């Protein structure tokens, strides 16, 4: 599901699961009234939490493989994937208050980044 909201008054088509007929149809997000294709706030938070959690898992797998392949080109591929997935995770985590990992710095520099002392 890709969602791009540009500002007030935008209406963006989103896939929405309809449980009555078990199908996926296009719904809309109307930023003027906060309607998120019929999903409740709790459901949206659940979706964002799942995205952030899965992004964290994929990021950790990519990091481990990047270390295994540090000397070859695959290491660069895994590091690039790790950065991309960390960005997606941080975007999903931010509206939740950073409950999965934290802010963007924590996603990209590690969860303890805010407590690291600066060296001179």
C-alpha atoms as a PDB file:
ATOM      1  CA  UNK A   1       0.000   0.000   0.000  1.00  0.00           C
ATOM      2  CA  UNK A   2       1.558   3.318  -1.027  1.00  0.00           C
ATOM      3  CA  UNK A   3       0.184   6.506   0.454  1.00  0.00           C
ATOM      4  CA  UNK A   4       1.335   9.952  -0.532  1.00  0.00           C
ATOM      5  CA  UNK A   5      -0.433  12.802   1.236  1.00  0.00           C
ATOM      6  CA  UNK A   6       0.602  16.230   0.006  1.00  0.00           C
ATOM      7  CA  UNK A   7      -1.584  18.573   2.040  1.00  0.00           C
ATOM      8  CA  UNK A   8      -5.068  19.517   3.116  1.00  0.00           C
ATOM      9  CA  UNK A   9      -7.766  18.620   0.674  1.00  0.00           C
ATOM     10  CA  UNK A  10      -5.870  15.781  -0.968  1.00  0.00           C
ATOM     11  CA  UNK A  11      -7.750  12.612  -1.698  1.00  0.00           C
ATOM     12  CA  UNK A  12      -5.547   9.587  -2.312  1.00  0.00           C
ATOM     13  CA  UNK A  13      -6.802   6.183  -3.457  1.00  0.00           C
ATOM     14  CA  UNK A  14      -5.845   3.340  -1.133  1.00  0.00           C
ATOM     15  CA  UNK A  15      -6.552  -0.380  -1.241  1.00  0.00           C
ATOM     16  CA  UNK A  16      -9.087  -1.285   1.443  1.00  0.00           C
ATOM     17  CA  UNK A  17     -10.026  -4.798   2.519  1.00  0.00           C
ATOM     18  CA  UNK A  18     -13.785  -5.357   2.633  1.00  0.00           C
ATOM     19  CA  UNK A  19     -14.568  -8.225   4.992  1.00  0.00           C
ATOM     20  CA  UNK A  20     -18.129  -8.760   3.766  1.00  0.00           C
ATOM     21  CA  UNK A  21     -17.124  -9.930   0.309  1.00  0.00           C
ATOM     22  CA  UNK A  22     -13.464 -10.688   1.132  1.00  0.00           C
ATOM     23  CA  UNK A  23     -12.092  -8.446  -1.578  1.00  0.00           C
ATOM     24  CA  UNK A  24      -9.612  -5.638  -1.903  1.00  0.00           C
ATOM     25  CA  UNK A  25     -11.123  -2.472  -3.362  1.00  0.00           C
ATOM     26  CA  UNK A  26      -9.894   1.067  -3.706  1.00  0.00           C
ATOM     27  CA  UNK A  27     -10.973   3.411  -0.937  1.00  0.00           C
ATOM     28  CA  UNK A  28      -9.923   6.980  -0.354  1.00  0.00           C
ATOM     29  CA  UNK A  29      -8.140   8.965   2.303  1.00  0.00           C
ATOM     30  CA  UNK A  30      -9.612  12.445   2.620  1.00  0.00           C
ATOM     31  CA  UNK A  31      -7.211  14.636   4.591  1.00  0.00           C
ATOM     32  CA  UNK A  32      -9.908  17.250   5.169  1.00  0.00           C
ATOM     33  CA  UNK A  33     -11.875  15.037   7.548  1.00  0.00           C
ATOM     34  CA  UNK A  34      -9.287  12.473   8.656  1.00  0.00           C
ATOM     35  CA  UNK A  35     -11.130   9.525   7.116  1.00  0.00           C
ATOM     36  CA  UNK A  36      -8.536   6.838   6.436  1.00  0.00           C
ATOM     37  CA  UNK A  37     -10.425   4.641   3.969  1.00  0.00           C
ATOM     38  CA  UNK A  38     -12.797   3.489   6.665  1.00  0.00           C
ATOM     39  CA  UNK A  39     -10.068   2.343   9.061  1.00  0.00           C
ATOM     40  CA  UNK A  40     -10.212   3.381  12.680  1.00  0.00           C
ATOM     41  CA  UNK A  41      -7.317   5.170  14.356  1.00  0.00           C
ATOM     42  CA  UNK A  42      -6.530   1.966  16.256  1.00  0.00           C
ATOM     43  CA  UNK A  43      -6.400  -0.004  12.980  1.00  0.00           C
ATOM     44  CA  UNK A  44      -4.071   2.551  11.374  1.00  0.00           C
ATOM     45  CA  UNK A  45      -1.793   2.389  14.436  1.00  0.00           C
ATOM     46  CA  UNK A  46      -1.796  -1.407  14.196  1.00  0.00           C
ATOM     47  CA  UNK A  47      -0.798  -1.278  10.517  1.00  0.00           C
ATOM     48  CA  UNK A  48       1.978   1.263  11.188  1.00  0.00           C
ATOM     49  CA  UNK A  49       3.230  -0.788  14.127  1.00  0.00           C
ATOM     50  CA  UNK A  50       3.372  -3.923  11.963  1.00  0.00           C
ATOM     51  CA  UNK A  51       5.286  -2.041   9.255  1.00  0.00           C
ATOM     52  CA  UNK A  52       7.782  -0.647  11.786  1.00  0.00           C
ATOM     53  CA  UNK A  53       8.275  -4.023  13.475  1.00  0.00           C
ATOM     54  CA  UNK A  54       8.826  -5.867  10.199  1.00  0.00           C
ATOM     55  CA  UNK A  55      11.140  -3.114   8.958  1.00  0.00           C
ATOM     56  CA  UNK A  56      13.214  -3.523  12.119  1.00  0.00           C
ATOM     57  CA  UNK A  57      13.499  -7.276  11.528  1.00  0.00           C
ATOM     58  CA  UNK A  58      14.502  -6.837   7.878  1.00  0.00           C
ATOM     59  CA  UNK A  59      16.987  -4.114   8.849  1.00  0.00           C
ATOM     60  CA  UNK A  60      18.635  -6.424  11.400  1.00  0.00           C
ATOM     61  CA  UNK A  61      18.868  -9.253   8.842  1.00  0.00           C
ATOM     62  CA  UNK A  62      20.421  -6.887   6.286  1.00  0.00           C
ATOM     63  CA  UNK A  63      22.904  -5.628   8.875  1.00  0.00           C
ATOM     64  CA  UNK A  64      23.986  -9.166   9.739  1.00  0.00           C
ATOM     65  CA  UNK A  65      24.428 -10.079   6.060  1.00  0.00           C
ATOM     66  CA  UNK A  66      26.331  -6.839   5.399  1.00  0.00           C
ATOM     67  CA  UNK A  67      28.852  -7.848   8.071  1.00  0.00           C
ATOM     68  CA  UNK A  68      29.191 -11.335   6.574  1.00  0.00           C
ATOM     69  CA  UNK A  69      29.832  -9.846   3.131  1.00  0.00           C
ATOM     70  CA  UNK A  70      31.934  -6.897   4.254  1.00  0.00           C
ATOM     71  CA  UNK A  71      34.723  -7.608   1.783  1.00  0.00           C
ATOM     72  CA  UNK A  72      32.568  -7.990  -1.335  1.00  0.00           C
ATOM     73  CA  UNK A  73      29.947  -6.053  -3.282  1.00  0.00           C
ATOM     74  CA  UNK A  74      27.039  -7.838  -1.568  1.00  0.00           C
ATOM     75  CA  UNK A  75      27.992  -6.022   1.623  1.00  0.00           C
ATOM     76  CA  UNK A  76      27.165  -2.737  -0.107  1.00  0.00           C
ATOM     77  CA  UNK A  77      23.863  -4.143  -1.338  1.00  0.00           C
ATOM     78  CA  UNK A  78      22.857  -5.213   2.180  1.00  0.00           C
ATOM     79  CA  UNK A  79      23.946  -1.854   3.682  1.00  0.00           C
ATOM     80  CA  UNK A  80      21.861  -0.017   1.088  1.00  0.00           C
ATOM     81  CA  UNK A  81      18.842  -2.209   1.786  1.00  0.00           C
ATOM     82  CA  UNK A  82      19.326  -1.682   5.518  1.00  0.00           C
ATOM     83  CA  UNK A  83      19.258   2.114   5.078  1.00  0.00           C
ATOM     84  CA  UNK A  84      16.170   1.980   2.852  1.00  0.00           C
ATOM     85  CA  UNK A  85      14.275  -0.300   5.215  1.00  0.00           C
ATOM     86  CA  UNK A  86      15.330   1.812   8.219  1.00  0.00           C
ATOM     87  CA  UNK A  87      13.887   4.876   6.512  1.00  0.00           C
ATOM     88  CA  UNK A  88      10.577   3.090   5.900  1.00  0.00           C
ATOM     89  CA  UNK A  89      10.538   1.861   9.491  1.00  0.00           C
ATOM     90  CA  UNK A  90      11.212   5.326  10.880  1.00  0.00           C
ATOM     91  CA  UNK A  91       8.389   6.774   8.760  1.00  0.00           C
ATOM     92  CA  UNK A  92       5.979   4.201  10.181  1.00  0.00           C
ATOM     93  CA  UNK A  93       7.349   4.538  13.738  1.00  0.00           C
ATOM     94  CA  UNK A  94       7.179   8.354  13.916  1.00  0.00           C
ATOM     95  CA  UNK A  95       3.361   8.706  14.101  1.00  0.00           C
ATOM     96  CA  UNK A  96       3.422   6.115  16.899  1.00  0.00           C
ATOM     97  CA  UNK A  97       5.784   8.232  18.989  1.00  0.00           C
ATOM     98  CA  UNK A  98       8.827   6.089  18.199  1.00  0.00           C
ATOM     99  CA  UNK A  99       7.553   3.135  20.195  1.00  0.00           C
ATOM    100  CA  UNK A 100       9.294   0.529  18.051  1.00  0.00           C
ATOM    101  CA  UNK A 101      12.826   1.996  17.861  1.00  0.00           C
ATOM    102  CA  UNK A 102      12.604   5.766  18.220  1.00  0.00           C
ATOM    103  CA  UNK A 103      13.256   8.764  16.025  1.00  0.00           C
ATOM    104  CA  UNK A 104      15.053   8.798  12.674  1.00  0.00           C
ATOM    105  CA  UNK A 105      18.469   9.057  14.370  1.00  0.00           C
ATOM    106  CA  UNK A 106      17.737   5.956  16.450  1.00  0.00           C
ATOM    107  CA  UNK A 107      16.650   4.039  13.342  1.00  0.00           C
ATOM    108  CA  UNK A 108      19.775   4.971  11.388  1.00  0.00           C
ATOM    109  CA  UNK A 109      22.398   5.227  14.159  1.00  0.00           C
ATOM    110  CA  UNK A 110      21.098   2.772  16.745  1.00  0.00           C
ATOM    111  CA  UNK A 111      18.592   2.940  19.613  1.00  0.00           C
ATOM    112  CA  UNK A 112      21.164   4.344  22.053  1.00  0.00           C
ATOM    113  CA  UNK A 113      22.150   7.246  19.789  1.00  0.00           C
ATOM    114  CA  UNK A 114      20.443   9.895  21.947  1.00  0.00           C
ATOM    115  CA  UNK A 115      22.468   8.868  25.018  1.00  0.00           C
ATOM    116  CA  UNK A 116      25.898   8.737  23.346  1.00  0.00           C
ATOM    117  CA  UNK A 117      28.233  11.436  24.615  1.00  0.00           C
ATOM    118  CA  UNK A 118      29.876  13.588  21.981  1.00  0.00           C
ATOM    119  CA  UNK A 119      33.640  13.183  21.881  1.00  0.00           C
ATOM    120  CA  UNK A 120      35.837  16.218  21.312  1.00  0.00           C
END
